[in-house]
Amino acid sequence: MTVVETPAFLRAADPVLDEEERADLVGFVATNPAVGDVIPQTGGVRKLRWATKGKGKRGGVRVIYYFHKETIPVFLLDIYAKNVKENLTKAERNTLRKRIPLLVEEYQRRNIR
């Protein structure tokens, strides 16, 4: 499964994951795209608890991503340390719900020939 790291994800990942951790995360999501819990009221966005070195899942990071179906990639959208934020705000969920269909449409438009 292809995984797309969005610019927002890459910016947020830089301070919380090293290169090896990021590569491990991408590989895991590529082989297990449906593993994260679907976040209600987001249009299908998922949240994955990911352990970081020396912290485990409880003190690790939360990865926000979208898995639509096998015919399009998984989109990594955001990542944050649990001690910074536990859950997405209602405004963030609403924004995701509106942007996800646009993301899928844009991907399909660019990749269907």
N, C-alpha and C. Protein backbone atom coordinates (compact mmCIF):
# COMPACT_ATOMS: atom_id res chain seq x y z
N MET A 1 0.85 -1.17 0.00
CA MET A 1 0.00 0.00 0.00
C MET A 1 0.90 1.24 0.00
N THR A 2 0.55 2.18 -0.83
CA THR A 2 1.30 3.43 -0.89
C THR A 2 0.88 4.34 0.25
N VAL A 3 1.84 5.04 0.83
CA VAL A 3 1.57 6.00 1.90
C VAL A 3 2.10 7.36 1.45
N VAL A 4 1.24 8.37 1.55
CA VAL A 4 1.62 9.75 1.21
C VAL A 4 1.79 10.53 2.50
N GLU A 5 2.97 11.09 2.70
CA GLU A 5 3.22 11.95 3.85
C GLU A 5 2.93 13.38 3.41
N THR A 6 1.85 13.95 3.91
CA THR A 6 1.48 15.30 3.51
C THR A 6 2.49 16.30 4.08
N PRO A 7 2.59 17.49 3.49
CA PRO A 7 3.50 18.51 4.03
C PRO A 7 3.22 18.82 5.50
N ALA A 8 1.95 18.88 5.88
CA ALA A 8 1.61 19.15 7.29
C ALA A 8 2.13 18.04 8.19
N PHE A 9 1.99 16.80 7.76
CA PHE A 9 2.50 15.68 8.54
C PHE A 9 4.02 15.77 8.69
N LEU A 10 4.70 16.03 7.59
CA LEU A 10 6.17 16.10 7.64
C LEU A 10 6.66 17.20 8.58
N ARG A 11 5.99 18.35 8.57
CA ARG A 11 6.36 19.44 9.48
C ARG A 11 6.17 19.02 10.93
N ALA A 12 5.03 18.37 11.20
CA ALA A 12 4.73 17.97 12.57
C ALA A 12 5.59 16.80 13.03
N ALA A 13 6.00 15.94 12.10
CA ALA A 13 6.78 14.74 12.45
C ALA A 13 8.22 15.07 12.81
N ASP A 14 8.75 16.11 12.21
CA ASP A 14 10.16 16.43 12.40
C ASP A 14 10.59 16.53 13.87
N PRO A 15 9.84 17.23 14.72
CA PRO A 15 10.30 17.32 16.11
C PRO A 15 9.98 16.10 16.99
N VAL A 16 9.11 15.19 16.52
CA VAL A 16 8.70 14.09 17.40
C VAL A 16 9.20 12.71 16.98
N LEU A 17 9.67 12.57 15.73
CA LEU A 17 10.18 11.29 15.25
C LEU A 17 11.54 11.48 14.58
N ASP A 18 12.43 10.54 14.80
CA ASP A 18 13.65 10.58 14.00
C ASP A 18 13.38 9.83 12.68
N GLU A 19 14.35 9.81 11.79
CA GLU A 19 14.16 9.21 10.46
C GLU A 19 13.79 7.73 10.55
N GLU A 20 14.45 7.02 11.43
CA GLU A 20 14.17 5.58 11.59
C GLU A 20 12.75 5.35 12.09
N GLU A 21 12.34 6.12 13.10
CA GLU A 21 10.98 5.99 13.63
C GLU A 21 9.94 6.31 12.56
N ARG A 22 10.20 7.36 11.79
CA ARG A 22 9.26 7.74 10.73
C ARG A 22 9.16 6.65 9.67
N ALA A 23 10.29 6.09 9.27
CA ALA A 23 10.28 5.00 8.28
C ALA A 23 9.54 3.78 8.82
N ASP A 24 9.73 3.47 10.10
CA ASP A 24 9.01 2.35 10.72
C ASP A 24 7.51 2.61 10.71
N LEU A 25 7.11 3.83 11.05
CA LEU A 25 5.70 4.19 11.05
C LEU A 25 5.09 4.05 9.66
N VAL A 26 5.75 4.60 8.65
CA VAL A 26 5.25 4.53 7.28
C VAL A 26 5.11 3.07 6.85
N GLY A 27 6.10 2.26 7.14
CA GLY A 27 6.04 0.84 6.80
C GLY A 27 4.90 0.12 7.49
N PHE A 28 4.69 0.44 8.76
CA PHE A 28 3.60 -0.19 9.51
C PHE A 28 2.25 0.19 8.93
N VAL A 29 2.04 1.47 8.67
CA VAL A 29 0.75 1.93 8.13
C VAL A 29 0.54 1.35 6.73
N ALA A 30 1.59 1.22 5.95
CA ALA A 30 1.47 0.65 4.60
C ALA A 30 0.97 -0.79 4.63
N THR A 31 1.39 -1.55 5.62
CA THR A 31 0.97 -2.95 5.70
C THR A 31 -0.27 -3.15 6.56
N ASN A 32 -0.66 -2.14 7.33
CA ASN A 32 -1.82 -2.24 8.22
C ASN A 32 -2.68 -0.98 8.13
N PRO A 33 -3.19 -0.63 6.97
CA PRO A 33 -3.85 0.68 6.82
C PRO A 33 -5.13 0.86 7.63
N ALA A 34 -5.79 -0.22 8.00
CA ALA A 34 -7.05 -0.09 8.73
C ALA A 34 -6.88 -0.25 10.24
N VAL A 35 -5.64 -0.24 10.73
CA VAL A 35 -5.39 -0.53 12.14
C VAL A 35 -5.85 0.57 13.09
N GLY A 36 -5.81 1.81 12.68
CA GLY A 36 -6.18 2.91 13.57
C GLY A 36 -7.68 2.98 13.82
N ASP A 37 -8.04 3.59 14.92
CA ASP A 37 -9.46 3.79 15.24
C ASP A 37 -10.02 4.94 14.42
N VAL A 38 -11.21 4.73 13.85
CA VAL A 38 -11.87 5.81 13.11
C VAL A 38 -12.32 6.86 14.12
N ILE A 39 -12.01 8.11 13.82
CA ILE A 39 -12.40 9.22 14.68
C ILE A 39 -13.79 9.67 14.26
N PRO A 40 -14.77 9.65 15.16
CA PRO A 40 -16.12 10.05 14.78
C PRO A 40 -16.16 11.48 14.22
N GLN A 41 -17.07 11.69 13.29
CA GLN A 41 -17.35 13.01 12.72
C GLN A 41 -16.17 13.60 11.95
N THR A 42 -15.37 12.72 11.29
CA THR A 42 -14.25 13.21 10.50
C THR A 42 -14.30 12.75 9.05
N GLY A 43 -15.29 11.96 8.70
CA GLY A 43 -15.34 11.44 7.34
C GLY A 43 -14.43 10.25 7.12
N GLY A 44 -14.07 9.56 8.18
CA GLY A 44 -13.27 8.35 8.06
C GLY A 44 -11.81 8.47 8.44
N VAL A 45 -11.41 9.60 8.98
CA VAL A 45 -10.03 9.78 9.43
C VAL A 45 -9.78 8.86 10.63
N ARG A 46 -8.57 8.35 10.71
CA ARG A 46 -8.20 7.41 11.77
C ARG A 46 -7.10 7.99 12.66
N LYS A 47 -7.05 7.46 13.90
CA LYS A 47 -6.00 7.84 14.85
C LYS A 47 -5.28 6.57 15.29
N LEU A 48 -3.97 6.63 15.22
CA LEU A 48 -3.13 5.50 15.61
C LEU A 48 -2.22 5.94 16.75
N ARG A 49 -2.17 5.13 17.80
CA ARG A 49 -1.21 5.36 18.89
C ARG A 49 0.10 4.72 18.47
N TRP A 50 1.18 5.51 18.50
CA TRP A 50 2.48 5.00 18.05
C TRP A 50 3.53 5.25 19.12
N ALA A 51 4.23 4.19 19.49
CA ALA A 51 5.27 4.29 20.51
C ALA A 51 6.52 4.95 19.94
N THR A 52 7.13 5.81 20.73
CA THR A 52 8.41 6.40 20.35
C THR A 52 9.48 5.86 21.29
N LYS A 53 10.72 6.02 20.91
CA LYS A 53 11.83 5.48 21.70
C LYS A 53 11.76 5.95 23.15
N GLY A 54 11.75 4.98 24.04
CA GLY A 54 11.80 5.28 25.46
C GLY A 54 10.50 5.74 26.07
N LYS A 55 9.42 5.80 25.30
CA LYS A 55 8.16 6.31 25.86
C LYS A 55 7.01 5.32 25.76
N GLY A 56 7.04 4.39 24.83
CA GLY A 56 5.94 3.46 24.66
C GLY A 56 4.72 4.16 24.09
N LYS A 57 3.62 3.40 23.97
CA LYS A 57 2.40 3.96 23.38
C LYS A 57 1.77 5.04 24.25
N ARG A 58 1.80 4.84 25.56
CA ARG A 58 1.16 5.80 26.46
C ARG A 58 1.79 7.18 26.39
N GLY A 59 3.08 7.24 26.23
CA GLY A 59 3.76 8.52 26.16
C GLY A 59 4.22 8.87 24.77
N GLY A 60 3.78 8.09 23.80
CA GLY A 60 4.24 8.28 22.43
C GLY A 60 3.48 9.36 21.69
N VAL A 61 3.22 9.08 20.43
CA VAL A 61 2.57 10.06 19.56
C VAL A 61 1.24 9.52 19.05
N ARG A 62 0.44 10.44 18.55
CA ARG A 62 -0.81 10.09 17.88
C ARG A 62 -0.65 10.47 16.42
N VAL A 63 -0.98 9.53 15.55
CA VAL A 63 -0.86 9.73 14.11
C VAL A 63 -2.26 9.83 13.54
N ILE A 64 -2.52 10.91 12.83
CA ILE A 64 -3.81 11.14 12.20
C ILE A 64 -3.65 10.85 10.71
N TYR A 65 -4.46 9.94 10.20
CA TYR A 65 -4.32 9.55 8.80
C TYR A 65 -5.66 9.17 8.19
N TYR A 66 -5.67 9.09 6.87
CA TYR A 66 -6.89 8.72 6.16
C TYR A 66 -6.63 7.54 5.25
N PHE A 67 -7.44 6.50 5.43
CA PHE A 67 -7.41 5.32 4.57
C PHE A 67 -8.80 5.19 3.97
N HIS A 68 -8.90 5.41 2.66
CA HIS A 68 -10.18 5.37 1.97
C HIS A 68 -10.49 3.96 1.49
N LYS A 69 -9.64 3.46 0.62
CA LYS A 69 -9.76 2.10 0.11
C LYS A 69 -8.45 1.73 -0.58
N GLU A 70 -8.34 0.50 -0.96
CA GLU A 70 -7.08 -0.02 -1.52
C GLU A 70 -6.63 0.67 -2.80
N THR A 71 -7.53 1.35 -3.49
CA THR A 71 -7.17 1.94 -4.79
C THR A 71 -6.51 3.31 -4.69
N ILE A 72 -6.47 3.89 -3.51
CA ILE A 72 -5.76 5.15 -3.32
C ILE A 72 -4.84 5.01 -2.10
N PRO A 73 -3.82 5.84 -2.01
CA PRO A 73 -2.87 5.70 -0.90
C PRO A 73 -3.48 6.07 0.45
N VAL A 74 -2.75 5.69 1.48
CA VAL A 74 -3.03 6.19 2.82
C VAL A 74 -2.40 7.58 2.89
N PHE A 75 -3.13 8.54 3.44
CA PHE A 75 -2.61 9.91 3.58
C PHE A 75 -2.31 10.16 5.06
N LEU A 76 -1.04 10.36 5.39
CA LEU A 76 -0.66 10.76 6.74
C LEU A 76 -0.89 12.26 6.84
N LEU A 77 -1.75 12.67 7.76
CA LEU A 77 -2.21 14.06 7.84
C LEU A 77 -1.56 14.86 8.95
N ASP A 78 -1.38 14.25 10.12
CA ASP A 78 -0.85 14.99 11.27
C ASP A 78 -0.26 13.99 12.25
N ILE A 79 0.56 14.49 13.13
CA ILE A 79 1.14 13.70 14.20
C ILE A 79 1.44 14.65 15.35
N TYR A 80 1.19 14.18 16.56
CA TYR A 80 1.49 15.02 17.72
C TYR A 80 1.76 14.14 18.93
N ALA A 81 2.54 14.68 19.85
CA ALA A 81 2.83 13.96 21.08
C ALA A 81 1.59 13.96 21.96
N LYS A 82 1.37 12.85 22.63
CA LYS A 82 0.20 12.73 23.49
C LYS A 82 0.20 13.79 24.59
N ASN A 83 1.38 14.14 25.09
CA ASN A 83 1.43 15.13 26.16
C ASN A 83 1.10 16.53 25.67
N VAL A 84 1.06 16.73 24.35
CA VAL A 84 0.70 18.02 23.78
C VAL A 84 -0.81 18.11 23.57
N LYS A 85 -1.40 17.00 23.09
CA LYS A 85 -2.83 17.00 22.80
C LYS A 85 -3.32 15.56 22.81
N GLU A 86 -4.41 15.31 23.49
CA GLU A 86 -4.96 13.96 23.57
C GLU A 86 -5.85 13.65 22.37
N ASN A 87 -6.73 14.59 22.03
CA ASN A 87 -7.69 14.37 20.95
C ASN A 87 -7.81 15.61 20.08
N LEU A 88 -8.37 15.42 18.89
CA LEU A 88 -8.65 16.54 18.00
C LEU A 88 -9.81 17.35 18.54
N THR A 89 -9.77 18.65 18.32
CA THR A 89 -10.89 19.50 18.73
C THR A 89 -12.04 19.32 17.75
N LYS A 90 -13.20 19.79 18.12
CA LYS A 90 -14.36 19.73 17.23
C LYS A 90 -14.08 20.49 15.94
N ALA A 91 -13.44 21.64 16.04
CA ALA A 91 -13.11 22.43 14.84
C ALA A 91 -12.16 21.65 13.93
N GLU A 92 -11.18 20.97 14.52
CA GLU A 92 -10.25 20.16 13.71
C GLU A 92 -10.98 19.00 13.03
N ARG A 93 -11.89 18.37 13.75
CA ARG A 93 -12.67 17.27 13.15
C ARG A 93 -13.53 17.79 12.00
N ASN A 94 -14.15 18.94 12.19
CA ASN A 94 -14.98 19.52 11.13
C ASN A 94 -14.14 19.86 9.90
N THR A 95 -12.96 20.41 10.12
CA THR A 95 -12.07 20.75 9.00
C THR A 95 -11.68 19.49 8.23
N LEU A 96 -11.33 18.44 8.94
CA LEU A 96 -10.97 17.18 8.28
C LEU A 96 -12.14 16.63 7.47
N ARG A 97 -13.32 16.66 8.05
CA ARG A 97 -14.51 16.14 7.36
C ARG A 97 -14.73 16.86 6.03
N LYS A 98 -14.44 18.15 5.99
CA LYS A 98 -14.61 18.93 4.75
C LYS A 98 -13.46 18.70 3.77
N ARG A 99 -12.26 18.51 4.28
CA ARG A 99 -11.09 18.42 3.40
C ARG A 99 -10.85 17.03 2.82
N ILE A 100 -11.29 16.00 3.50
CA ILE A 100 -11.02 14.64 3.03
C ILE A 100 -11.60 14.37 1.64
N PRO A 101 -12.86 14.70 1.37
CA PRO A 101 -13.37 14.47 0.01
C PRO A 101 -12.56 15.23 -1.05
N LEU A 102 -12.09 16.41 -0.72
CA LEU A 102 -11.27 17.19 -1.66
C LEU A 102 -9.93 16.51 -1.90
N LEU A 103 -9.35 15.96 -0.85
CA LEU A 103 -8.07 15.26 -0.97
C LEU A 103 -8.21 14.04 -1.88
N VAL A 104 -9.25 13.26 -1.68
CA VAL A 104 -9.49 12.07 -2.50
C VAL A 104 -9.75 12.47 -3.95
N GLU A 105 -10.58 13.48 -4.13
CA GLU A 105 -10.89 13.95 -5.48
C GLU A 105 -9.63 14.44 -6.20
N GLU A 106 -8.82 15.20 -5.52
CA GLU A 106 -7.58 15.72 -6.11
C GLU A 106 -6.64 14.57 -6.49
N TYR A 107 -6.51 13.60 -5.61
CA TYR A 107 -5.65 12.46 -5.92
C TYR A 107 -6.17 11.72 -7.16
N GLN A 108 -7.47 11.47 -7.20
CA GLN A 108 -8.03 10.74 -8.33
C GLN A 108 -7.89 11.53 -9.62
N ARG A 109 -8.09 12.83 -9.56
CA ARG A 109 -7.97 13.67 -10.75
C ARG A 109 -6.55 13.62 -11.31
N ARG A 110 -5.57 13.66 -10.43
CA ARG A 110 -4.17 13.66 -10.87
C ARG A 110 -3.68 12.30 -11.34
N ASN A 111 -4.32 11.24 -10.88
CA ASN A 111 -3.79 9.91 -11.15
C ASN A 111 -4.63 9.03 -12.06
N ILE A 112 -5.76 9.52 -12.49
CA ILE A 112 -6.57 8.77 -13.45
C ILE A 112 -6.30 9.34 -14.82
N ARG A 113 -5.80 8.50 -15.67
CA ARG A 113 -5.44 8.95 -17.02
C ARG A 113 -6.33 8.33 -18.04
